């Protein structure tokens, strides 16, 4: 039985390059299938190409669906997932090479 949660993306510029790669790395540690829904797009959470194409920005609202033997563990990991990123565009513009360990999502 699949589990599903809706999240708001807290990090800037969203689920892109570095955070996207870390997201895929985390998801690939689990057996469960994972899908991310953003607007009319559906992405495989274990594919960096899919995540980059989806282009979910900061404050974007996504739905994450996990289905498999370790689905509860994975969705819980994602609920409290922290990744090195920027808080805002201003932080990025002022210090593009400086990242902070930030909570990536909030449940909505």
PDB file of N, CA and C in Angstrom:
ATOM      1  N   UNK A   1       0.838  -1.187   0.000  1.00  0.00           N
ATOM      2  CA  UNK A   1       0.000   0.000   0.000  1.00  0.00           C
ATOM      3  C   UNK A   1       0.880   1.247   0.000  1.00  0.00           C
ATOM      4  N   UNK A   2       0.666   2.156  -0.919  1.00  0.00           N
ATOM      5  CA  UNK A   2       1.497   3.350  -1.074  1.00  0.00           C
ATOM      6  C   UNK A   2       1.204   4.387   0.009  1.00  0.00           C
ATOM      7  N   UNK A   3       2.210   5.214   0.281  1.00  0.00           N
ATOM      8  CA  UNK A   3       2.038   6.357   1.170  1.00  0.00           C
ATOM      9  C   UNK A   3       2.282   7.625   0.359  1.00  0.00           C
ATOM     10  N   UNK A   4       1.634   8.694   0.778  1.00  0.00           N
ATOM     11  CA  UNK A   4       1.695   9.941   0.019  1.00  0.00           C
ATOM     12  C   UNK A   4       1.679  11.119   0.980  1.00  0.00           C
ATOM     13  N   UNK A   5       2.521  12.125   0.692  1.00  0.00           N
ATOM     14  CA  UNK A   5       2.523  13.358   1.486  1.00  0.00           C
ATOM     15  C   UNK A   5       2.721  14.541   0.558  1.00  0.00           C
ATOM     16  N   UNK A   6       2.149  15.664   0.958  1.00  0.00           N
ATOM     17  CA  UNK A   6       2.328  16.910   0.219  1.00  0.00           C
ATOM     18  C   UNK A   6       3.315  17.783   0.980  1.00  0.00           C
ATOM     19  N   UNK A   7       4.232  18.382   0.229  1.00  0.00           N
ATOM     20  CA  UNK A   7       5.286  19.201   0.811  1.00  0.00           C
ATOM     21  C   UNK A   7       5.414  20.531   0.083  1.00  0.00           C
ATOM     22  N   UNK A   8       5.959  21.514   0.792  1.00  0.00           N
ATOM     23  CA  UNK A   8       6.418  22.766   0.191  1.00  0.00           C
ATOM     24  C   UNK A   8       7.945  22.707   0.222  1.00  0.00           C
ATOM     25  N   UNK A   9       8.558  23.098  -0.881  1.00  0.00           N
ATOM     26  CA  UNK A   9      10.021  23.106  -0.976  1.00  0.00           C
ATOM     27  C   UNK A   9      10.543  24.378  -0.311  1.00  0.00           C
ATOM     28  N   UNK A  10      11.409  24.218   0.671  1.00  0.00           N
ATOM     29  CA  UNK A  10      11.917  25.348   1.448  1.00  0.00           C
ATOM     30  C   UNK A  10      13.235  25.904   0.918  1.00  0.00           C
ATOM     31  N   UNK A  11      13.998  25.118   0.207  1.00  0.00           N
ATOM     32  CA  UNK A  11      15.349  25.507  -0.200  1.00  0.00           C
ATOM     33  C   UNK A  11      15.357  26.243  -1.539  1.00  0.00           C
ATOM     34  N   UNK A  12      16.354  27.111  -1.715  1.00  0.00           N
ATOM     35  CA  UNK A  12      16.531  27.846  -2.961  1.00  0.00           C
ATOM     36  C   UNK A  12      17.644  27.182  -3.765  1.00  0.00           C
ATOM     37  N   UNK A  13      17.471  27.022  -5.072  1.00  0.00           N
ATOM     38  CA  UNK A  13      16.374  27.462  -5.922  1.00  0.00           C
ATOM     39  C   UNK A  13      15.261  26.432  -6.066  1.00  0.00           C
ATOM     40  N   UNK A  14      15.257  25.434  -5.246  1.00  0.00           N
ATOM     41  CA  UNK A  14      14.254  24.371  -5.319  1.00  0.00           C
ATOM     42  C   UNK A  14      14.939  23.022  -5.428  1.00  0.00           C
ATOM     43  N   UNK A  15      14.231  22.081  -5.984  1.00  0.00           N
ATOM     44  CA  UNK A  15      14.769  20.720  -6.110  1.00  0.00           C
ATOM     45  C   UNK A  15      15.543  20.628  -7.423  1.00  0.00           C
ATOM     46  N   UNK A  16      16.708  21.267  -7.445  1.00  0.00           N
ATOM     47  CA  UNK A  16      17.544  21.345  -8.635  1.00  0.00           C
ATOM     48  C   UNK A  16      18.912  20.758  -8.341  1.00  0.00           C
ATOM     49  N   UNK A  17      19.778  20.828  -9.280  1.00  0.00           N
ATOM     50  CA  UNK A  17      21.139  20.313  -9.320  1.00  0.00           C
ATOM     51  C   UNK A  17      21.626  19.595  -8.062  1.00  0.00           C
ATOM     52  N   UNK A  18      22.270  20.302  -7.171  1.00  0.00           N
ATOM     53  CA  UNK A  18      22.880  19.665  -5.993  1.00  0.00           C
ATOM     54  C   UNK A  18      21.837  19.028  -5.071  1.00  0.00           C
ATOM     55  N   UNK A  19      20.801  19.759  -4.647  1.00  0.00           N
ATOM     56  CA  UNK A  19      19.787  19.104  -3.809  1.00  0.00           C
ATOM     57  C   UNK A  19      19.082  17.963  -4.539  1.00  0.00           C
ATOM     58  N   UNK A  20      18.864  18.130  -5.834  1.00  0.00           N
ATOM     59  CA  UNK A  20      18.227  17.066  -6.618  1.00  0.00           C
ATOM     60  C   UNK A  20      19.063  15.803  -6.633  1.00  0.00           C
ATOM     61  N   UNK A  21      20.372  15.967  -6.797  1.00  0.00           N
ATOM     62  CA  UNK A  21      21.276  14.813  -6.796  1.00  0.00           C
ATOM     63  C   UNK A  21      21.282  14.127  -5.430  1.00  0.00           C
ATOM     64  N   UNK A  22      21.262  14.919  -4.368  1.00  0.00           N
ATOM     65  CA  UNK A  22      21.230  14.343  -3.017  1.00  0.00           C
ATOM     66  C   UNK A  22      19.903  13.632  -2.752  1.00  0.00           C
ATOM     67  N   UNK A  23      18.812  14.179  -3.288  1.00  0.00           N
ATOM     68  CA  UNK A  23      17.500  13.547  -3.165  1.00  0.00           C
ATOM     69  C   UNK A  23      17.526  12.171  -3.830  1.00  0.00           C
ATOM     70  N   UNK A  24      18.038  12.115  -5.045  1.00  0.00           N
ATOM     71  CA  UNK A  24      18.133  10.848  -5.785  1.00  0.00           C
ATOM     72  C   UNK A  24      19.024   9.860  -5.038  1.00  0.00           C
ATOM     73  N   UNK A  25      20.141  10.346  -4.518  1.00  0.00           N
ATOM     74  CA  UNK A  25      21.061   9.494  -3.756  1.00  0.00           C
ATOM     75  C   UNK A  25      20.349   8.865  -2.558  1.00  0.00           C
ATOM     76  N   UNK A  26      19.589   9.666  -1.831  1.00  0.00           N
ATOM     77  CA  UNK A  26      18.840   9.151  -0.685  1.00  0.00           C
ATOM     78  C   UNK A  26      17.803   8.123  -1.135  1.00  0.00           C
ATOM     79  N   UNK A  27      17.019   8.456  -2.135  1.00  0.00           N
ATOM     80  CA  UNK A  27      15.946   7.562  -2.591  1.00  0.00           C
ATOM     81  C   UNK A  27      16.481   6.232  -3.104  1.00  0.00           C
ATOM     82  N   UNK A  28      17.653   6.258  -3.723  1.00  0.00           N
ATOM     83  CA  UNK A  28      18.229   5.027  -4.260  1.00  0.00           C
ATOM     84  C   UNK A  28      18.756   4.082  -3.184  1.00  0.00           C
ATOM     85  N   UNK A  29      18.769   4.507  -1.940  1.00  0.00           N
ATOM     86  CA  UNK A  29      19.148   3.627  -0.830  1.00  0.00           C
ATOM     87  C   UNK A  29      17.987   2.722  -0.419  1.00  0.00           C
ATOM     88  N   UNK A  30      16.809   2.969  -0.994  1.00  0.00           N
ATOM     89  CA  UNK A  30      15.596   2.243  -0.629  1.00  0.00           C
ATOM     90  C   UNK A  30      15.077   1.436  -1.811  1.00  0.00           C
ATOM     91  N   UNK A  31      14.355   0.363  -1.502  1.00  0.00           N
ATOM     92  CA  UNK A  31      13.779  -0.484  -2.541  1.00  0.00           C
ATOM     93  C   UNK A  31      12.505   0.097  -3.134  1.00  0.00           C
ATOM     94  N   UNK A  32      11.779   0.862  -2.377  1.00  0.00           N
ATOM     95  CA  UNK A  32      10.476   1.379  -2.807  1.00  0.00           C
ATOM     96  C   UNK A  32      10.590   2.266  -4.045  1.00  0.00           C
ATOM     97  N   UNK A  33       9.512   2.291  -4.828  1.00  0.00           N
ATOM     98  CA  UNK A  33       9.386   3.217  -5.948  1.00  0.00           C
ATOM     99  C   UNK A  33       8.944   4.560  -5.389  1.00  0.00           C
ATOM    100  N   UNK A  34       9.380   5.637  -6.032  1.00  0.00           N
ATOM    101  CA  UNK A  34       9.013   6.973  -5.564  1.00  0.00           C
ATOM    102  C   UNK A  34       8.688   7.863  -6.753  1.00  0.00           C
ATOM    103  N   UNK A  35       7.573   8.562  -6.642  1.00  0.00           N
ATOM    104  CA  UNK A  35       7.156   9.521  -7.657  1.00  0.00           C
ATOM    105  C   UNK A  35       6.972  10.879  -7.005  1.00  0.00           C
ATOM    106  N   UNK A  36       7.342  11.920  -7.760  1.00  0.00           N
ATOM    107  CA  UNK A  36       7.130  13.292  -7.322  1.00  0.00           C
ATOM    108  C   UNK A  36       6.181  13.931  -8.329  1.00  0.00           C
ATOM    109  N   UNK A  37       5.127  14.535  -7.828  1.00  0.00           N
ATOM    110  CA  UNK A  37       4.167  15.223  -8.687  1.00  0.00           C
ATOM    111  C   UNK A  37       4.277  16.720  -8.438  1.00  0.00           C
ATOM    112  N   UNK A  38       4.454  17.464  -9.517  1.00  0.00           N
ATOM    113  CA  UNK A  38       4.530  18.920  -9.449  1.00  0.00           C
ATOM    114  C   UNK A  38       3.784  19.484 -10.650  1.00  0.00           C
ATOM    115  N   UNK A  39       2.754  20.264 -10.378  1.00  0.00           N
ATOM    116  CA  UNK A  39       1.864  20.761 -11.427  1.00  0.00           C
ATOM    117  C   UNK A  39       1.370  19.578 -12.247  1.00  0.00           C
ATOM    118  N   UNK A  40       1.616  19.562 -13.527  1.00  0.00           N
ATOM    119  CA  UNK A  40       1.150  18.451 -14.359  1.00  0.00           C
ATOM    120  C   UNK A  40       2.263  17.457 -14.671  1.00  0.00           C
ATOM    121  N   UNK A  41       3.379  17.559 -13.952  1.00  0.00           N
ATOM    122  CA  UNK A  41       4.535  16.692 -14.210  1.00  0.00           C
ATOM    123  C   UNK A  41       4.650  15.605 -13.152  1.00  0.00           C
ATOM    124  N   UNK A  42       5.115  14.436 -13.595  1.00  0.00           N
ATOM    125  CA  UNK A  42       5.392  13.322 -12.687  1.00  0.00           C
ATOM    126  C   UNK A  42       6.837  12.905 -12.929  1.00  0.00           C
ATOM    127  N   UNK A  43       7.618  12.817 -11.862  1.00  0.00           N
ATOM    128  CA  UNK A  43       9.029  12.454 -11.973  1.00  0.00           C
ATOM    129  C   UNK A  43       9.326  11.219 -11.141  1.00  0.00           C
ATOM    130  N   UNK A  44      10.195  10.384 -11.671  1.00  0.00           N
ATOM    131  CA  UNK A  44      10.741   9.257 -10.924  1.00  0.00           C
ATOM    132  C   UNK A  44      11.747   9.840  -9.933  1.00  0.00           C
ATOM    133  N   UNK A  45      11.533   9.634  -8.650  1.00  0.00           N
ATOM    134  CA  UNK A  45      12.401  10.187  -7.623  1.00  0.00           C
ATOM    135  C   UNK A  45      13.787   9.583  -7.573  1.00  0.00           C
ATOM    136  N   UNK A  46      14.024   8.564  -8.379  1.00  0.00           N
ATOM    137  CA  UNK A  46      15.341   7.938  -8.433  1.00  0.00           C
ATOM    138  C   UNK A  46      16.094   8.327  -9.706  1.00  0.00           C
ATOM    139  N   UNK A  47      15.594   9.335 -10.422  1.00  0.00           N
ATOM    140  CA  UNK A  47      16.200   9.783 -11.679  1.00  0.00           C
ATOM    141  C   UNK A  47      16.503  11.274 -11.620  1.00  0.00           C
ATOM    142  N   UNK A  48      17.783  11.633 -11.661  1.00  0.00           N
ATOM    143  CA  UNK A  48      18.157  13.045 -11.625  1.00  0.00           C
ATOM    144  C   UNK A  48      17.639  13.767 -12.861  1.00  0.00           C
ATOM    145  N   UNK A  49      17.613  13.102 -14.002  1.00  0.00           N
ATOM    146  CA  UNK A  49      17.092  13.727 -15.221  1.00  0.00           C
ATOM    147  C   UNK A  49      15.622  14.094 -15.030  1.00  0.00           C
ATOM    148  N   UNK A  50      14.836  13.162 -14.495  1.00  0.00           N
ATOM    149  CA  UNK A  50      13.414  13.432 -14.247  1.00  0.00           C
ATOM    150  C   UNK A  50      13.231  14.603 -13.285  1.00  0.00           C
ATOM    151  N   UNK A  51      14.016  14.636 -12.235  1.00  0.00           N
ATOM    152  CA  UNK A  51      13.885  15.697 -11.231  1.00  0.00           C
ATOM    153  C   UNK A  51      14.289  17.048 -11.811  1.00  0.00           C
ATOM    154  N   UNK A  52      15.372  17.080 -12.572  1.00  0.00           N
ATOM    155  CA  UNK A  52      15.811  18.332 -13.189  1.00  0.00           C
ATOM    156  C   UNK A  52      14.777  18.837 -14.192  1.00  0.00           C
ATOM    157  N   UNK A  53      14.189  17.936 -14.955  1.00  0.00           N
ATOM    158  CA  UNK A  53      13.176  18.308 -15.944  1.00  0.00           C
ATOM    159  C   UNK A  53      11.919  18.852 -15.269  1.00  0.00           C
ATOM    160  N   UNK A  54      11.594  18.314 -14.119  1.00  0.00           N
ATOM    161  CA  UNK A  54      10.416  18.750 -13.381  1.00  0.00           C
ATOM    162  C   UNK A  54      10.544  20.216 -12.948  1.00  0.00           C
ATOM    163  N   UNK A  55      11.757  20.639 -12.576  1.00  0.00           N
ATOM    164  CA  UNK A  55      12.062  22.033 -12.216  1.00  0.00           C
ATOM    165  C   UNK A  55      11.152  22.596 -11.118  1.00  0.00           C
ATOM    166  N   UNK A  56      11.024  21.884 -10.017  1.00  0.00           N
ATOM    167  CA  UNK A  56      10.201  22.354  -8.893  1.00  0.00           C
ATOM    168  C   UNK A  56      10.969  23.425  -8.114  1.00  0.00           C
ATOM    169  N   UNK A  57      10.437  24.650  -8.051  1.00  0.00           N
ATOM    170  CA  UNK A  57      11.152  25.763  -7.427  1.00  0.00           C
ATOM    171  C   UNK A  57      10.935  25.858  -5.919  1.00  0.00           C
ATOM    172  N   UNK A  58      11.700  26.758  -5.297  1.00  0.00           N
ATOM    173  CA  UNK A  58      11.466  27.074  -3.891  1.00  0.00           C
ATOM    174  C   UNK A  58      10.017  27.521  -3.734  1.00  0.00           C
ATOM    175  N   UNK A  59       9.388  27.075  -2.684  1.00  0.00           N
ATOM    176  CA  UNK A  59       7.977  27.321  -2.373  1.00  0.00           C
ATOM    177  C   UNK A  59       7.014  26.560  -3.276  1.00  0.00           C
ATOM    178  N   UNK A  60       7.549  25.763  -4.193  1.00  0.00           N
ATOM    179  CA  UNK A  60       6.691  24.910  -5.004  1.00  0.00           C
ATOM    180  C   UNK A  60       6.075  23.828  -4.131  1.00  0.00           C
ATOM    181  N   UNK A  61       4.855  23.446  -4.465  1.00  0.00           N
ATOM    182  CA  UNK A  61       4.159  22.401  -3.716  1.00  0.00           C
ATOM    183  C   UNK A  61       4.214  21.107  -4.512  1.00  0.00           C
ATOM    184  N   UNK A  62       4.754  20.075  -3.879  1.00  0.00           N
ATOM    185  CA  UNK A  62       4.900  18.778  -4.530  1.00  0.00           C
ATOM    186  C   UNK A  62       4.168  17.712  -3.718  1.00  0.00           C
ATOM    187  N   UNK A  63       3.822  16.646  -4.398  1.00  0.00           N
ATOM    188  CA  UNK A  63       3.293  15.461  -3.736  1.00  0.00           C
ATOM    189  C   UNK A  63       4.298  14.353  -3.971  1.00  0.00           C
ATOM    190  N   UNK A  64       4.670  13.667  -2.909  1.00  0.00           N
ATOM    191  CA  UNK A  64       5.586  12.536  -3.015  1.00  0.00           C
ATOM    192  C   UNK A  64       4.813  11.273  -2.686  1.00  0.00           C
ATOM    193  N   UNK A  65       4.869  10.322  -3.624  1.00  0.00           N
ATOM    194  CA  UNK A  65       4.219   9.022  -3.444  1.00  0.00           C
ATOM    195  C   UNK A  65       5.300   7.955  -3.392  1.00  0.00           C
ATOM    196  N   UNK A  66       5.236   7.121  -2.359  1.00  0.00           N
ATOM    197  CA  UNK A  66       6.208   6.048  -2.179  1.00  0.00           C
ATOM    198  C   UNK A  66       5.449   4.735  -2.073  1.00  0.00           C
ATOM    199  N   UNK A  67       5.927   3.730  -2.804  1.00  0.00           N
ATOM    200  CA  UNK A  67       5.264   2.433  -2.817  1.00  0.00           C
ATOM    201  C   UNK A  67       6.309   1.323  -2.766  1.00  0.00           C
ATOM    202  N   UNK A  68       6.250   0.504  -1.724  1.00  0.00           N
ATOM    203  CA  UNK A  68       7.178  -0.606  -1.618  1.00  0.00           C
ATOM    204  C   UNK A  68       7.373  -1.051  -0.184  1.00  0.00           C
ATOM    205  N   UNK A  69       8.287  -1.982  -0.024  1.00  0.00           N
ATOM    206  CA  UNK A  69       8.479  -2.622   1.280  1.00  0.00           C
ATOM    207  C   UNK A  69       8.984  -1.669   2.362  1.00  0.00           C
ATOM    208  N   UNK A  70       9.719  -0.637   1.971  1.00  0.00           N
ATOM    209  CA  UNK A  70      10.272   0.298   2.958  1.00  0.00           C
ATOM    210  C   UNK A  70       9.697   1.709   2.786  1.00  0.00           C
ATOM    211  N   UNK A  71       8.465   1.782   2.287  1.00  0.00           N
ATOM    212  CA  UNK A  71       7.832   3.071   1.982  1.00  0.00           C
ATOM    213  C   UNK A  71       7.704   3.992   3.193  1.00  0.00           C
ATOM    214  N   UNK A  72       7.331   3.448   4.339  1.00  0.00           N
ATOM    215  CA  UNK A  72       7.161   4.275   5.542  1.00  0.00           C
ATOM    216  C   UNK A  72       8.493   4.871   5.995  1.00  0.00           C
ATOM    217  N   UNK A  73       9.544   4.071   5.913  1.00  0.00           N
ATOM    218  CA  UNK A  73      10.865   4.553   6.324  1.00  0.00           C
ATOM    219  C   UNK A  73      11.316   5.676   5.399  1.00  0.00           C
ATOM    220  N   UNK A  74      11.148   5.481   4.094  1.00  0.00           N
ATOM    221  CA  UNK A  74      11.575   6.495   3.130  1.00  0.00           C
ATOM    222  C   UNK A  74      10.773   7.786   3.279  1.00  0.00           C
ATOM    223  N   UNK A  75       9.467   7.707   3.382  1.00  0.00           N
ATOM    224  CA  UNK A  75       8.665   8.933   3.503  1.00  0.00           C
ATOM    225  C   UNK A  75       9.002   9.676   4.794  1.00  0.00           C
ATOM    226  N   UNK A  76       9.330   8.945   5.853  1.00  0.00           N
ATOM    227  CA  UNK A  76       9.756   9.587   7.107  1.00  0.00           C
ATOM    228  C   UNK A  76      11.115  10.261   6.955  1.00  0.00           C
ATOM    229  N   UNK A  77      12.024   9.618   6.226  1.00  0.00           N
ATOM    230  CA  UNK A  77      13.340  10.228   5.957  1.00  0.00           C
ATOM    231  C   UNK A  77      13.160  11.542   5.198  1.00  0.00           C
ATOM    232  N   UNK A  78      12.287  11.531   4.202  1.00  0.00           N
ATOM    233  CA  UNK A  78      12.073  12.729   3.388  1.00  0.00           C
ATOM    234  C   UNK A  78      11.381  13.837   4.172  1.00  0.00           C
ATOM    235  N   UNK A  79      10.516  13.470   5.094  1.00  0.00           N
ATOM    236  CA  UNK A  79       9.804  14.457   5.912  1.00  0.00           C
ATOM    237  C   UNK A  79      10.775  15.288   6.739  1.00  0.00           C
ATOM    238  N   UNK A  80      11.873  14.690   7.174  1.00  0.00           N
ATOM    239  CA  UNK A  80      12.861  15.392   7.994  1.00  0.00           C
ATOM    240  C   UNK A  80      14.195  15.549   7.266  1.00  0.00           C
ATOM    241  N   UNK A  81      14.182  15.510   5.946  1.00  0.00           N
ATOM    242  CA  UNK A  81      15.408  15.550   5.152  1.00  0.00           C
ATOM    243  C   UNK A  81      16.052  16.930   5.188  1.00  0.00           C
ATOM    244  N   UNK A  82      17.347  16.959   5.461  1.00  0.00           N
ATOM    245  CA  UNK A  82      18.146  18.177   5.438  1.00  0.00           C
ATOM    246  C   UNK A  82      19.210  18.027   4.352  1.00  0.00           C
ATOM    247  N   UNK A  83      19.490  19.118   3.651  1.00  0.00           N
ATOM    248  CA  UNK A  83      20.451  19.086   2.554  1.00  0.00           C
ATOM    249  C   UNK A  83      21.186  20.424   2.515  1.00  0.00           C
ATOM    250  N   UNK A  84      22.407  20.400   2.002  1.00  0.00           N
ATOM    251  CA  UNK A  84      23.153  21.645   1.850  1.00  0.00           C
ATOM    252  C   UNK A  84      22.554  22.431   0.692  1.00  0.00           C
ATOM    253  N   UNK A  85      22.133  23.660   0.985  1.00  0.00           N
ATOM    254  CA  UNK A  85      21.468  24.495  -0.015  1.00  0.00           C
ATOM    255  C   UNK A  85      21.487  25.945   0.452  1.00  0.00           C
ATOM    256  N   UNK A  86      20.722  26.777  -0.239  1.00  0.00           N
ATOM    257  CA  UNK A  86      20.572  28.192   0.111  1.00  0.00           C
ATOM    258  C   UNK A  86      19.175  28.438   0.659  1.00  0.00           C
ATOM    259  N   UNK A  87      19.065  29.436   1.539  1.00  0.00           N
ATOM    260  CA  UNK A  87      17.758  29.803   2.102  1.00  0.00           C
ATOM    261  C   UNK A  87      16.936  30.634   1.121  1.00  0.00           C
ATOM    262  N   UNK A  88      17.631  31.456   0.320  1.00  0.00           N
ATOM    263  CA  UNK A  88      16.921  32.409  -0.534  1.00  0.00           C
ATOM    264  C   UNK A  88      17.776  32.796  -1.730  1.00  0.00           C
ATOM    265  N   UNK A  89      17.158  33.492  -2.674  1.00  0.00           N
ATOM    266  CA  UNK A  89      17.882  34.008  -3.831  1.00  0.00           C
ATOM    267  C   UNK A  89      18.948  34.999  -3.369  1.00  0.00           C
ATOM    268  N   UNK A  90      18.615  35.801  -2.371  1.00  0.00           N
ATOM    269  CA  UNK A  90      19.571  36.772  -1.837  1.00  0.00           C
ATOM    270  C   UNK A  90      20.814  36.069  -1.290  1.00  0.00           C
ATOM    271  N   UNK A  91      20.632  34.999  -0.531  1.00  0.00           N
ATOM    272  CA  UNK A  91      21.772  34.228  -0.022  1.00  0.00           C
ATOM    273  C   UNK A  91      22.603  33.683  -1.173  1.00  0.00           C
ATOM    274  N   UNK A  92      21.926  33.169  -2.196  1.00  0.00           N
ATOM    275  CA  UNK A  92      22.623  32.621  -3.360  1.00  0.00           C
ATOM    276  C   UNK A  92      23.400  33.718  -4.082  1.00  0.00           C
ATOM    277  N   UNK A  93      22.761  34.868  -4.307  1.00  0.00           N
ATOM    278  CA  UNK A  93      23.414  35.968  -5.023  1.00  0.00           C
ATOM    279  C   UNK A  93      24.618  36.506  -4.263  1.00  0.00           C
ATOM    280  N   UNK A  94      24.528  36.575  -2.928  1.00  0.00           N
ATOM    281  CA  UNK A  94      25.616  37.121  -2.111  1.00  0.00           C
ATOM    282  C   UNK A  94      26.744  36.127  -1.873  1.00  0.00           C
ATOM    283  N   UNK A  95      26.427  34.845  -1.778  1.00  0.00           N
ATOM    284  CA  UNK A  95      27.437  33.813  -1.484  1.00  0.00           C
ATOM    285  C   UNK A  95      27.097  32.526  -2.231  1.00  0.00           C
ATOM    286  N   UNK A  96      27.284  32.503  -3.560  1.00  0.00           N
ATOM    287  CA  UNK A  96      26.861  31.332  -4.338  1.00  0.00           C
ATOM    288  C   UNK A  96      27.572  30.032  -3.955  1.00  0.00           C
ATOM    289  N   UNK A  97      28.771  30.133  -3.387  1.00  0.00           N
ATOM    290  CA  UNK A  97      29.510  28.918  -3.027  1.00  0.00           C
ATOM    291  C   UNK A  97      29.305  28.498  -1.577  1.00  0.00           C
ATOM    292  N   UNK A  98      28.560  29.290  -0.818  1.00  0.00           N
ATOM    293  CA  UNK A  98      28.321  28.969   0.591  1.00  0.00           C
ATOM    294  C   UNK A  98      26.953  28.310   0.739  1.00  0.00           C
ATOM    295  N   UNK A  99      26.950  27.086   1.236  1.00  0.00           N
ATOM    296  CA  UNK A  99      25.707  26.349   1.449  1.00  0.00           C
ATOM    297  C   UNK A  99      25.528  26.088   2.940  1.00  0.00           C
ATOM    298  N   UNK A 100      24.281  25.999   3.356  1.00  0.00           N
ATOM    299  CA  UNK A 100      23.954  25.646   4.738  1.00  0.00           C
ATOM    300  C   UNK A 100      23.180  24.342   4.739  1.00  0.00           C
ATOM    301  N   UNK A 101      23.272  23.603   5.831  1.00  0.00           N
ATOM    302  CA  UNK A 101      22.464  22.400   5.987  1.00  0.00           C
ATOM    303  C   UNK A 101      21.066  22.843   6.411  1.00  0.00           C
ATOM    304  N   UNK A 102      20.098  22.664   5.511  1.00  0.00           N
ATOM    305  CA  UNK A 102      18.746  23.178   5.723  1.00  0.00           C
ATOM    306  C   UNK A 102      17.704  22.084   5.566  1.00  0.00           C
ATOM    307  N   UNK A 103      16.608  22.252   6.259  1.00  0.00           N
ATOM    308  CA  UNK A 103      15.457  21.367   6.074  1.00  0.00           C
ATOM    309  C   UNK A 103      14.904  21.653   4.683  1.00  0.00           C
ATOM    310  N   UNK A 104      14.715  20.613   3.883  1.00  0.00           N
ATOM    311  CA  UNK A 104      14.324  20.791   2.488  1.00  0.00           C
ATOM    312  C   UNK A 104      12.834  21.010   2.292  1.00  0.00           C
ATOM    313  N   UNK A 105      12.011  20.334   3.106  1.00  0.00           N
ATOM    314  CA  UNK A 105      10.562  20.353   2.894  1.00  0.00           C
ATOM    315  C   UNK A 105       9.809  20.646   4.184  1.00  0.00           C
ATOM    316  N   UNK A 106       8.598  21.187   4.017  1.00  0.00           N
ATOM    317  CA  UNK A 106       7.647  21.231   5.122  1.00  0.00           C
ATOM    318  C   UNK A 106       6.364  20.569   4.640  1.00  0.00           C
ATOM    319  N   UNK A 107       5.720  19.852   5.529  1.00  0.00           N
ATOM    320  CA  UNK A 107       4.464  19.181   5.191  1.00  0.00           C
ATOM    321  C   UNK A 107       3.364  20.230   5.063  1.00  0.00           C
ATOM    322  N   UNK A 108       2.530  20.086   4.044  1.00  0.00           N
ATOM    323  CA  UNK A 108       1.393  21.008   3.883  1.00  0.00           C
ATOM    324  C   UNK A 108       0.091  20.229   3.849  1.00  0.00           C
TER     325      UNK A 108
END
